[in-house]
Amino acid sequence: MAFSIAATQVEASIQLLPASRFTIDQLTAAYNQTRVDYLVPMPMNAARLAEYIATYDVSLDDSVVALEGGQMLGLAMLGVRPDLAWVTRLGVLPTARRRRIGRTLLTALLSNAQRRGLRRTALEVIKNNIPAYNLFIQCGFEPTQEFLVLRRPPAPSLCQPQGTAEWLDREAALALLLERTDAPTWITENRSLARVESLHALTVTAPEVGSGWLVFHEQRFHGLPVLLARFTLHTRAGSPLAVARLLLAHLYTRYPELDTQVENLAVTDPHLPMLIEMGFIESFRRIEMIRNVP
């Protein structure tokens, strides 16, 4: 596969190859090496990377690895869906930075997206990662939304559950997601959540308070739940703060021993203040950026 790398200059010694030419183990090792000094390293193992590739529609044929003398210096991956491309896992080894390799990898991904006829490309960058943010601005991306990554350590509910709760399976959870009115990112949109096997939902109705639902991922290890993740909250009636309180009270009465991680919750989400009140802590922030090609 040939890559177009117009609008950037790369050293003659640098070779670009499709990520599909490498094993998952090789890609995992390279990815982890590029992240050793990041603001948020987020290391992965081979199984997690393989799951990531499948869940988020990453095309390894359109993803890129930079090599020099047989050594992998950096990589970047491209998610591909009919209406949008997504840049992810872009990184360069610390010893190979300031050689325009990151820009070259990004340009190759954008070229591949355009070759596929995709005129919109999205990505998320960790807030305060100024070098990456500036690179994306220079390459035509514009910031659109700011999102939070939150964590709640294991703890019982801070209040007594009220109202009528119903626990639903994966198929019912996917049906509830059709009611969404938010603007999710690539990793939290319905097409990504539809790839998650251990997806569940909780609905709560309380007279004179409100009603709503929570879709979440019950991550398992050896068949046992170990983590709650991928939250989507929706208020059908009443105050979003009151509904969030209802949902979280029931959730942590049932799962007091589990850690929780919520990714890419919009800073404008009306349920956010109640999540903070109920024990969630901000880990870091991401900025979503979009590039449109006329």
Protein backbone atom coordinates (compact mmCIF):
# COMPACT_ATOMS: atom_id res chain seq x y z
CA MET A 1 0.00 0.00 0.00
CA ALA A 2 1.32 3.42 -0.92
CA PHE A 3 0.87 6.39 1.35
CA SER A 4 0.58 10.00 0.26
CA ILE A 5 2.50 12.24 2.64
CA ALA A 6 2.06 15.61 0.99
CA ALA A 7 2.31 18.75 3.11
CA THR A 8 5.06 17.34 5.31
CA GLN A 9 8.70 16.42 5.02
CA VAL A 10 10.10 13.20 6.42
CA GLU A 11 13.71 12.06 6.58
CA ALA A 12 14.71 9.66 3.84
CA SER A 13 15.66 7.07 6.45
CA ILE A 14 12.07 6.88 7.78
CA GLN A 15 9.82 4.24 6.23
CA LEU A 16 6.04 4.10 6.59
CA LEU A 17 4.28 0.74 6.53
CA PRO A 18 0.68 -0.34 7.16
CA ALA A 19 0.12 -1.56 10.72
CA SER A 20 -1.41 -4.74 9.28
CA ARG A 21 2.10 -5.95 8.48
CA PHE A 22 2.87 -6.28 12.18
CA THR A 23 1.59 -8.58 14.91
CA ILE A 24 -0.59 -7.34 17.75
CA ASP A 25 2.29 -8.05 20.13
CA GLN A 26 4.62 -5.84 18.08
CA LEU A 27 2.07 -3.03 17.89
CA THR A 28 1.40 -3.26 21.63
CA ALA A 29 5.09 -3.05 22.49
CA ALA A 30 5.57 -0.04 20.23
CA TYR A 31 2.48 1.72 21.58
CA ASN A 32 3.56 1.29 25.20
CA GLN A 33 7.04 2.61 24.42
CA THR A 34 5.56 5.77 22.89
CA ARG A 35 3.55 6.43 26.07
CA VAL A 36 6.15 6.00 28.81
CA ASP A 37 6.37 9.76 29.50
CA TYR A 38 2.85 10.86 28.59
CA LEU A 39 0.63 12.91 30.88
CA VAL A 40 -1.62 9.82 31.07
CA PRO A 41 0.36 6.75 29.84
CA MET A 42 -2.60 4.29 29.59
CA PRO A 43 -0.51 1.14 28.90
CA MET A 44 -2.11 -1.83 27.15
CA ASN A 45 -1.50 -5.53 26.73
CA ALA A 46 -2.01 -7.43 23.49
CA ALA A 47 -5.47 -8.70 24.43
CA ARG A 48 -6.68 -5.21 25.30
CA LEU A 49 -5.29 -3.74 22.10
CA ALA A 50 -6.95 -6.46 20.01
CA GLU A 51 -10.25 -5.71 21.75
CA TYR A 52 -9.72 -1.99 21.21
CA ILE A 53 -9.14 -2.52 17.48
CA ALA A 54 -12.32 -4.60 17.14
CA THR A 55 -14.54 -2.38 19.31
CA TYR A 56 -13.58 0.88 17.67
CA ASP A 57 -13.42 -0.27 14.03
CA VAL A 58 -9.70 0.36 13.67
CA SER A 59 -8.46 -0.47 10.18
CA LEU A 60 -4.92 -1.81 10.44
CA ASP A 61 -4.54 -1.49 6.67
CA ASP A 62 -5.11 2.27 7.05
CA SER A 63 -3.08 2.59 10.24
CA VAL A 64 0.60 3.43 10.01
CA VAL A 65 3.91 2.44 11.57
CA ALA A 66 7.11 4.50 11.18
CA LEU A 67 10.37 2.56 11.03
CA GLU A 68 14.03 3.37 10.79
CA GLY A 69 16.56 0.61 10.31
CA GLY A 70 13.96 -1.95 11.31
CA GLN A 71 13.10 -0.17 14.58
CA MET A 72 9.53 0.98 15.16
CA LEU A 73 9.71 4.68 16.04
CA GLY A 74 6.03 5.47 16.15
CA LEU A 75 2.56 4.46 15.12
CA ALA A 76 -0.89 5.88 14.53
CA MET A 77 -4.21 4.12 14.06
CA LEU A 78 -7.28 5.03 12.03
CA GLY A 79 -10.84 4.08 12.90
CA VAL A 80 -13.08 3.88 9.85
CA ARG A 81 -16.88 4.14 9.75
CA PRO A 82 -19.11 5.09 6.81
CA ASP A 83 -19.44 8.76 7.79
CA LEU A 84 -16.30 9.48 9.78
CA ALA A 85 -12.63 8.61 10.34
CA TRP A 86 -10.99 8.65 13.76
CA VAL A 87 -7.34 9.19 14.64
CA THR A 88 -6.18 7.25 17.69
CA ARG A 89 -3.08 5.82 19.39
CA LEU A 90 -0.80 8.36 17.70
CA GLY A 91 2.59 8.28 19.40
CA VAL A 92 6.32 8.54 18.82
CA LEU A 93 9.14 7.12 20.93
CA PRO A 94 10.62 9.82 23.20
CA THR A 95 14.05 9.38 21.59
CA ALA A 96 12.61 9.95 18.10
CA ARG A 97 10.61 13.13 18.71
CA ARG A 98 11.23 16.52 17.11
CA ARG A 99 11.84 14.84 13.75
CA ARG A 100 8.34 15.49 12.32
CA ILE A 101 7.47 11.80 12.63
CA GLY A 102 4.20 12.51 14.44
CA ARG A 103 3.16 14.97 11.73
CA THR A 104 4.10 12.45 9.04
CA LEU A 105 2.04 9.69 10.68
CA LEU A 106 -0.95 12.00 11.05
CA THR A 107 -0.71 13.18 7.45
CA ALA A 108 -0.63 9.58 6.24
CA LEU A 109 -3.80 8.79 8.20
CA LEU A 110 -5.57 11.83 6.79
CA SER A 111 -4.53 10.80 3.28
CA ASN A 112 -5.94 7.32 3.86
CA ALA A 113 -9.19 8.75 5.18
CA GLN A 114 -9.57 10.91 2.08
CA ARG A 115 -8.73 7.96 -0.16
CA ARG A 116 -11.69 6.18 1.41
CA GLY A 117 -13.90 9.18 0.64
CA LEU A 118 -14.20 10.27 4.28
CA ARG A 119 -14.21 14.06 4.57
CA ARG A 120 -14.61 14.29 8.35
CA THR A 121 -11.96 13.09 10.78
CA ALA A 122 -12.22 13.19 14.57
CA LEU A 123 -9.79 12.68 17.44
CA GLU A 124 -9.45 13.37 21.15
CA VAL A 125 -6.42 14.96 22.75
CA ILE A 126 -5.68 15.12 26.46
CA LYS A 127 -6.13 18.66 27.70
CA ASN A 128 -2.81 20.45 28.33
CA ASN A 129 -0.94 18.22 25.87
CA ILE A 130 0.11 21.41 24.12
CA PRO A 131 2.48 19.91 21.48
CA ALA A 132 -0.18 17.47 20.25
CA TYR A 133 -2.93 20.08 20.36
CA ASN A 134 -0.85 22.52 18.32
CA LEU A 135 -0.02 19.83 15.76
CA PHE A 136 -3.70 19.05 15.29
CA ILE A 137 -4.57 22.74 14.91
CA GLN A 138 -1.84 23.11 12.27
CA CYS A 139 -3.27 20.11 10.40
CA GLY A 140 -6.75 21.60 10.18
CA PHE A 141 -8.52 20.22 13.27
CA GLU A 142 -10.80 22.44 15.32
CA PRO A 143 -11.87 21.88 18.95
CA THR A 144 -15.55 21.01 19.39
CA GLN A 145 -16.24 19.66 22.88
CA GLU A 146 -14.48 19.08 26.19
CA PHE A 147 -14.92 15.80 28.05
CA LEU A 148 -14.06 14.36 31.45
CA VAL A 149 -12.62 11.02 32.44
CA LEU A 150 -13.90 10.22 35.92
CA ARG A 151 -13.17 7.53 38.50
CA ARG A 152 -15.04 6.40 41.58
CA PRO A 153 -13.20 4.11 44.00
CA PRO A 154 -15.14 1.20 45.51
CA ALA A 155 -17.62 2.43 48.12
CA PRO A 156 -21.24 1.86 49.11
CA SER A 157 -23.96 4.21 48.00
CA LEU A 158 -23.97 7.54 49.80
CA CYS A 159 -27.77 7.53 50.01
CA GLN A 160 -30.63 5.07 50.26
CA PRO A 161 -32.15 3.93 46.94
CA GLN A 162 -35.65 5.17 46.19
CA GLY A 163 -38.26 4.42 43.58
CA THR A 164 -38.72 1.35 41.40
CA ALA A 165 -35.61 -0.03 39.73
CA GLU A 166 -35.38 -2.53 36.89
CA TRP A 167 -32.16 -4.23 35.79
CA LEU A 168 -32.01 -4.95 32.05
CA ASP A 169 -29.85 -7.09 29.76
CA ARG A 170 -27.69 -6.14 26.81
CA GLU A 171 -30.43 -6.09 24.18
CA ALA A 172 -32.62 -3.85 26.30
CA ALA A 173 -29.63 -1.60 27.00
CA LEU A 174 -28.98 -1.16 23.28
CA ALA A 175 -32.64 -0.27 22.74
CA LEU A 176 -32.44 2.41 25.45
CA LEU A 177 -29.44 3.99 23.74
CA LEU A 178 -31.71 4.97 20.84
CA GLU A 179 -33.23 7.59 23.18
CA ARG A 180 -29.95 9.48 23.52
CA THR A 181 -29.90 13.22 22.93
CA ASP A 182 -26.23 13.88 23.74
CA ALA A 183 -23.35 14.22 21.26
CA PRO A 184 -21.01 11.32 22.10
CA THR A 185 -17.46 10.84 20.91
CA TRP A 186 -16.30 7.87 18.84
CA ILE A 187 -15.63 5.67 21.87
CA THR A 188 -18.97 6.41 23.54
CA GLU A 189 -21.31 6.45 20.55
CA ASN A 190 -23.84 3.68 20.01
CA ARG A 191 -21.82 1.87 17.35
CA SER A 192 -18.99 1.40 19.83
CA LEU A 193 -21.24 0.38 22.70
CA ALA A 194 -22.95 -2.17 20.43
CA ARG A 195 -19.63 -4.07 20.34
CA VAL A 196 -19.53 -4.44 24.14
CA GLU A 197 -20.75 -7.83 25.33
CA SER A 198 -21.26 -7.22 29.07
CA LEU A 199 -23.52 -4.22 28.59
CA HIS A 200 -26.34 -3.70 31.10
CA ALA A 201 -28.95 -1.11 31.93
CA LEU A 202 -30.76 0.19 34.97
CA THR A 203 -34.04 2.10 34.83
CA VAL A 204 -35.50 3.94 37.81
CA THR A 205 -38.87 5.61 38.33
CA ALA A 206 -39.79 7.51 41.48
CA PRO A 207 -43.11 9.40 41.84
CA GLU A 208 -42.71 13.16 42.10
CA VAL A 209 -38.95 12.82 41.50
CA GLY A 210 -38.44 11.60 37.97
CA SER A 211 -37.35 8.72 35.81
CA GLY A 212 -34.37 7.79 33.69
CA TRP A 213 -31.87 5.12 32.79
CA LEU A 214 -28.22 4.25 32.98
CA VAL A 215 -26.42 2.01 30.49
CA PHE A 216 -23.10 0.66 31.72
CA HIS A 217 -20.43 -1.95 31.03
CA GLU A 218 -19.79 -4.59 33.66
CA GLN A 219 -16.19 -5.53 32.93
CA ARG A 220 -15.42 -9.10 34.00
CA PHE A 221 -12.31 -11.11 34.83
CA HIS A 222 -12.60 -14.88 35.01
CA GLY A 223 -16.36 -14.45 34.99
CA LEU A 224 -16.50 -12.07 37.95
CA PRO A 225 -17.33 -8.34 37.70
CA VAL A 226 -14.29 -6.16 38.47
CA LEU A 227 -15.07 -2.73 36.99
CA LEU A 228 -17.99 -0.58 35.94
CA ALA A 229 -17.39 1.57 32.86
CA ARG A 230 -18.87 3.20 29.74
CA PHE A 231 -21.64 5.12 31.49
CA THR A 232 -24.50 6.72 29.56
CA LEU A 233 -27.09 8.52 31.67
CA HIS A 234 -30.43 9.77 30.37
CA THR A 235 -33.26 11.60 32.15
CA ARG A 236 -36.76 10.93 30.87
CA ALA A 237 -38.62 13.10 33.37
CA GLY A 238 -37.67 15.32 36.27
CA SER A 239 -34.41 16.97 37.24
CA PRO A 240 -31.26 15.33 35.82
CA LEU A 241 -29.59 15.78 39.21
CA ALA A 242 -32.40 14.00 41.04
CA VAL A 243 -32.54 11.23 38.45
CA ALA A 244 -28.78 10.73 38.59
CA ARG A 245 -29.02 10.43 42.36
CA LEU A 246 -31.71 7.76 42.01
CA LEU A 247 -29.69 5.77 39.49
CA LEU A 248 -26.39 5.92 41.36
CA ALA A 249 -28.00 5.02 44.68
CA HIS A 250 -29.38 1.82 43.17
CA LEU A 251 -26.18 1.09 41.25
CA TYR A 252 -23.84 1.27 44.25
CA THR A 253 -26.24 -0.52 46.55
CA ARG A 254 -25.80 -3.41 44.13
CA TYR A 255 -22.09 -2.88 43.34
CA PRO A 256 -20.45 -1.33 46.42
CA GLU A 257 -17.18 -3.24 45.92
CA LEU A 258 -16.46 -2.25 42.31
CA ASP A 259 -14.23 0.47 40.95
CA THR A 260 -15.81 2.70 38.28
CA GLN A 261 -14.35 4.55 35.31
CA VAL A 262 -16.39 6.86 33.13
CA GLU A 263 -14.84 8.06 29.88
CA ASN A 264 -15.71 11.14 27.86
CA LEU A 265 -18.55 12.60 29.87
CA ALA A 266 -19.21 16.07 28.49
CA VAL A 267 -18.39 18.92 30.86
CA THR A 268 -21.88 20.23 30.03
CA ASP A 269 -23.64 16.97 30.97
CA PRO A 270 -26.50 17.93 33.34
CA HIS A 271 -25.89 14.82 35.50
CA LEU A 272 -22.25 15.69 36.20
CA PRO A 273 -22.67 17.62 39.50
CA MET A 274 -24.45 14.64 41.05
CA LEU A 275 -21.71 12.25 39.94
CA ILE A 276 -19.21 14.44 41.75
CA GLU A 277 -21.45 14.56 44.83
CA MET A 278 -21.74 10.77 44.76
CA GLY A 279 -18.00 10.21 44.90
CA PHE A 280 -16.62 10.54 41.37
CA ILE A 281 -13.20 12.18 40.97
CA GLU A 282 -11.87 13.85 37.85
CA SER A 283 -8.86 11.97 36.42
CA PHE A 284 -8.19 14.16 33.38
CA ARG A 285 -9.89 15.93 30.48
CA ARG A 286 -9.98 15.37 26.74
CA ILE A 287 -10.73 17.79 23.95
CA GLU A 288 -12.56 16.47 20.91
CA MET A 289 -11.33 17.92 17.62
CA ILE A 290 -12.83 17.62 14.12
CA ARG A 291 -11.28 18.18 10.70
CA ASN A 292 -13.59 18.80 7.76
CA VAL A 293 -12.42 18.61 4.15
CA PRO A 294 -14.48 20.76 1.77
